[in-house]
Protein backbone atom coordinates (compact mmCIF):
# COMPACT_ATOMS: atom_id res chain seq x y z
CA MET A 1 10.61 -15.14 5.75
CA THR A 2 7.31 -16.40 4.41
CA GLU A 3 5.83 -16.86 7.92
CA LYS A 4 5.36 -13.07 7.99
CA ARG A 5 3.46 -13.00 4.72
CA PHE A 6 -0.29 -13.09 4.38
CA ASP A 7 -1.57 -16.53 3.36
CA PRO A 8 -3.16 -16.06 -0.10
CA ARG A 9 -5.56 -18.92 0.65
CA LYS A 10 -7.27 -16.48 3.05
CA LEU A 11 -7.74 -13.82 0.38
CA ASN A 12 -11.48 -13.48 1.03
CA LYS A 13 -10.59 -11.75 4.31
CA LEU A 14 -9.08 -8.96 2.21
CA ASN A 15 -12.42 -8.24 0.54
CA ASN A 16 -14.34 -7.56 3.75
CA PRO A 17 -16.06 -4.13 3.44
CA ASP A 18 -15.43 -3.59 7.17
CA ARG A 19 -11.81 -2.93 6.23
CA TYR A 20 -12.92 0.46 4.88
CA LYS A 21 -14.35 1.26 8.33
CA LEU A 22 -10.99 0.50 9.93
CA LEU A 23 -9.05 2.53 7.37
CA SER A 24 -11.10 4.62 4.98
CA PRO A 25 -9.76 5.29 1.48
CA GLU A 26 -11.09 8.85 1.87
CA TYR A 27 -8.94 9.23 5.00
CA ILE A 28 -5.86 8.23 3.00
CA ILE A 29 -6.79 10.56 0.13
CA SER A 30 -7.39 13.43 2.54
CA LYS A 31 -4.16 13.00 4.53
CA ALA A 32 -2.12 12.62 1.32
CA GLY A 33 -3.76 15.73 -0.14
CA LEU A 34 -4.47 13.96 -3.43
CA ARG A 35 -6.06 16.21 -6.02
CA ASN A 36 -6.14 14.53 -9.41
CA PRO A 37 -3.51 11.79 -9.80
CA SER A 38 -3.24 10.03 -13.15
CA LEU A 39 -1.01 7.07 -12.14
CA ILE A 40 -1.15 5.31 -8.79
CA ILE A 41 0.64 2.18 -7.56
CA ASP A 42 -1.02 -0.11 -5.02
CA TYR A 43 2.13 -1.78 -3.63
CA GLY A 44 1.25 -5.21 -2.24
CA ALA A 45 -2.29 -4.92 -3.58
CA GLY A 46 -3.55 -8.34 -2.52
CA THR A 47 -6.99 -8.51 -4.16
CA GLY A 48 -6.91 -4.87 -5.26
CA PHE A 49 -9.57 -4.07 -2.65
CA TYR A 50 -8.09 -0.63 -1.99
CA SER A 51 -7.43 0.03 -5.69
CA ILE A 52 -11.16 0.15 -6.42
CA PRO A 53 -12.05 3.27 -4.38
CA PHE A 54 -9.19 5.19 -5.98
CA ILE A 55 -10.46 4.61 -9.52
CA GLU A 56 -14.00 5.34 -8.38
CA ARG A 57 -12.89 8.62 -6.77
CA PHE A 58 -10.60 9.93 -9.53
CA ASN A 59 -11.73 9.98 -13.15
CA GLU A 60 -9.10 8.85 -15.64
CA VAL A 61 -6.69 7.48 -13.00
CA LYS A 62 -4.89 4.19 -13.64
CA VAL A 63 -3.96 2.05 -10.67
CA TYR A 64 -1.19 -0.49 -11.06
CA ALA A 65 -2.11 -3.15 -8.49
CA ALA A 66 1.17 -4.98 -7.84
CA ASP A 67 1.55 -8.07 -5.69
CA ILE A 68 4.21 -10.71 -5.13
CA SER A 69 1.68 -13.57 -5.02
CA GLU A 70 0.72 -15.20 -8.30
CA ILE A 71 -2.52 -16.29 -6.63
CA MET A 72 -3.43 -12.69 -5.80
CA VAL A 73 -2.54 -11.41 -9.28
CA ALA A 74 -4.58 -14.19 -10.93
CA TRP A 75 -7.52 -13.40 -8.62
CA MET A 76 -7.37 -9.72 -9.59
CA GLN A 77 -7.15 -10.55 -13.30
CA GLU A 78 -10.23 -12.75 -13.01
CA ASN A 79 -12.32 -10.66 -10.62
CA LEU A 80 -11.42 -7.05 -11.42
CA SER A 81 -11.75 -7.23 -15.19
CA ALA A 82 -14.77 -4.87 -15.04
CA TYR A 83 -12.39 -2.16 -13.78
CA GLU A 84 -10.45 -1.26 -16.91
CA ASN A 85 -8.26 1.22 -15.03
CA ILE A 86 -6.93 -1.32 -12.54
CA ILE A 87 -3.89 -3.07 -13.99
CA PRO A 88 -2.95 -6.17 -11.96
CA MET A 89 0.73 -7.00 -12.15
CA LYS A 90 3.16 -9.45 -10.62
CA MET A 91 6.06 -7.94 -8.74
CA GLU A 92 9.21 -9.60 -7.53
CA ASP A 93 10.63 -9.03 -4.07
CA ASN A 94 11.20 -5.26 -3.88
CA LYS A 95 10.96 -4.80 -7.67
CA ILE A 96 8.12 -3.62 -9.90
CA SER A 97 8.71 -3.61 -13.66
CA LEU A 98 7.77 0.01 -14.26
CA GLU A 99 10.03 2.89 -15.24
CA ASP A 100 11.59 5.45 -12.90
CA ASP A 101 9.59 8.54 -11.93
CA PHE A 102 6.38 6.82 -13.04
CA ALA A 103 3.62 7.41 -10.49
CA ASP A 104 1.87 10.38 -8.89
CA PHE A 105 1.06 8.42 -5.73
CA LEU A 106 1.89 5.06 -4.18
CA PHE A 107 0.21 3.41 -1.23
CA MET A 108 0.87 0.37 0.94
CA ILE A 109 -1.89 -0.95 3.24
CA ASN A 110 -1.10 -3.40 6.07
CA LEU A 111 1.97 -4.67 4.25
CA HIS A 112 4.94 -3.02 5.91
CA HIS A 113 5.23 -5.62 8.70
CA GLU A 114 5.66 -8.34 6.01
CA LEU A 115 8.67 -6.73 4.33
CA ASP A 116 11.96 -8.57 4.77
CA ASN A 117 13.97 -5.47 3.87
CA PRO A 118 11.75 -2.40 4.37
CA VAL A 119 14.37 0.17 3.36
CA LEU A 120 15.04 -1.68 0.10
CA ALA A 121 11.28 -1.88 -0.61
CA LEU A 122 10.82 1.81 0.20
CA GLY A 123 13.78 2.58 -2.07
CA GLU A 124 11.89 0.87 -4.89
CA CYS A 125 8.85 3.00 -4.06
CA PHE A 126 11.05 6.10 -4.16
CA ARG A 127 12.35 5.09 -7.61
CA LEU A 128 8.82 4.62 -8.94
CA LEU A 129 7.46 7.98 -7.79
CA LYS A 130 7.75 11.27 -9.65
CA LYS A 131 9.61 14.09 -7.92
CA GLY A 132 7.23 15.72 -5.44
CA ALA A 133 4.88 12.71 -5.48
CA LYS A 134 3.71 11.14 -2.23
CA ILE A 135 3.72 7.75 -0.59
CA ALA A 136 1.21 6.59 2.03
CA VAL A 137 2.14 3.69 4.30
CA SER A 138 -0.44 2.29 6.68
CA ASP A 139 0.06 -0.64 8.99
CA TRP A 140 -1.23 -2.14 12.21
CA LYS A 141 -0.52 -0.28 15.42
CA LYS A 142 1.93 -2.02 17.73
CA THR A 143 -0.74 -2.77 20.35
CA GLN A 144 -2.46 -5.98 21.33
CA MET A 145 -5.73 -6.63 19.47
CA ASP A 146 -7.85 -9.63 18.53
CA PHE A 147 -6.89 -9.54 14.84
CA GLY A 148 -4.05 -8.61 12.55
CA PRO A 149 -0.51 -9.98 12.52
CA PRO A 150 1.39 -11.04 15.65
CA LEU A 151 2.49 -8.14 17.82
CA ALA A 152 6.13 -9.25 17.56
CA ILE A 153 6.36 -8.43 13.84
CA ARG A 154 4.59 -5.06 13.96
CA LEU A 155 6.60 -1.86 13.77
CA SER A 156 6.03 1.48 15.42
CA PRO A 157 5.25 4.46 13.18
CA ASP A 158 8.53 6.06 14.34
CA ASP A 159 10.43 3.02 13.00
CA VAL A 160 8.63 3.31 9.65
CA LYS A 161 9.38 7.05 9.58
CA GLN A 162 13.11 6.36 10.00
CA GLN A 163 12.97 3.79 7.17
CA LEU A 164 11.21 6.27 4.89
CA LEU A 165 13.89 8.87 5.62
CA GLN A 166 16.64 6.29 4.94
CA ALA A 167 15.03 5.54 1.57
CA GLY A 168 15.21 9.25 0.63
CA PHE A 169 11.70 10.46 1.45
CA ARG A 170 11.15 13.79 3.21
CA ASN A 171 8.39 15.67 5.04
CA VAL A 172 7.18 12.50 6.76
CA GLU A 173 3.90 12.99 8.63
CA ILE A 174 2.48 10.44 11.09
CA TYR A 175 -1.28 10.14 11.64
CA ASN A 176 -2.60 8.05 14.54
CA GLU A 177 -6.33 8.91 14.58
CA ALA A 178 -7.50 5.49 13.32
CA GLU A 179 -8.15 2.96 16.05
CA PHE A 180 -6.12 0.05 14.69
CA ASN A 181 -3.82 1.53 12.04
CA TYR A 182 -1.36 4.36 11.73
CA LEU A 183 -0.71 6.20 8.48
CA LEU A 184 2.47 7.86 7.31
CA VAL A 185 2.58 10.21 4.33
CA ALA A 186 5.90 11.32 2.85
CA VAL A 187 7.16 13.17 -0.22
CA LYS A 188 9.80 12.17 -2.77
């Protein structure tokens, strides 16, 4: 269902600093209770825009910025080369070529509504995380606004919570303080 997917030709929209005002990386870090992760996965990284603040915040962390789009991965390889600790990588639908129990943290920003099979994708996230590690999923609220994806393809945070539970996650917390996005944090 490619009509749900972000058009990579519009990738410059992903690099707008105003995105951090809508959903602050510090907000995600705070709600997830991150202390000192060494391996993070940015699932559906796009341009790696959200990967950057994580490597700037945590010394020594490596962020695997995975995306399904070859255009996005090529853009990251060309434009993020100054960030040695961001590793752009191509992923296939619901599959990242990394070993089981690999990461300390995984995050997904404004991607969930694009997933054709969310439970399968979240199952892959579960596989990639170490026991006790956390996932953070943020997406657009299911309310009418002048930007973001069509309302019809947005999910409620309760729907995403049920999908996380189906995939094996536990202790799912929902945060709705942001104006346009919700955030869910769960534990493997």
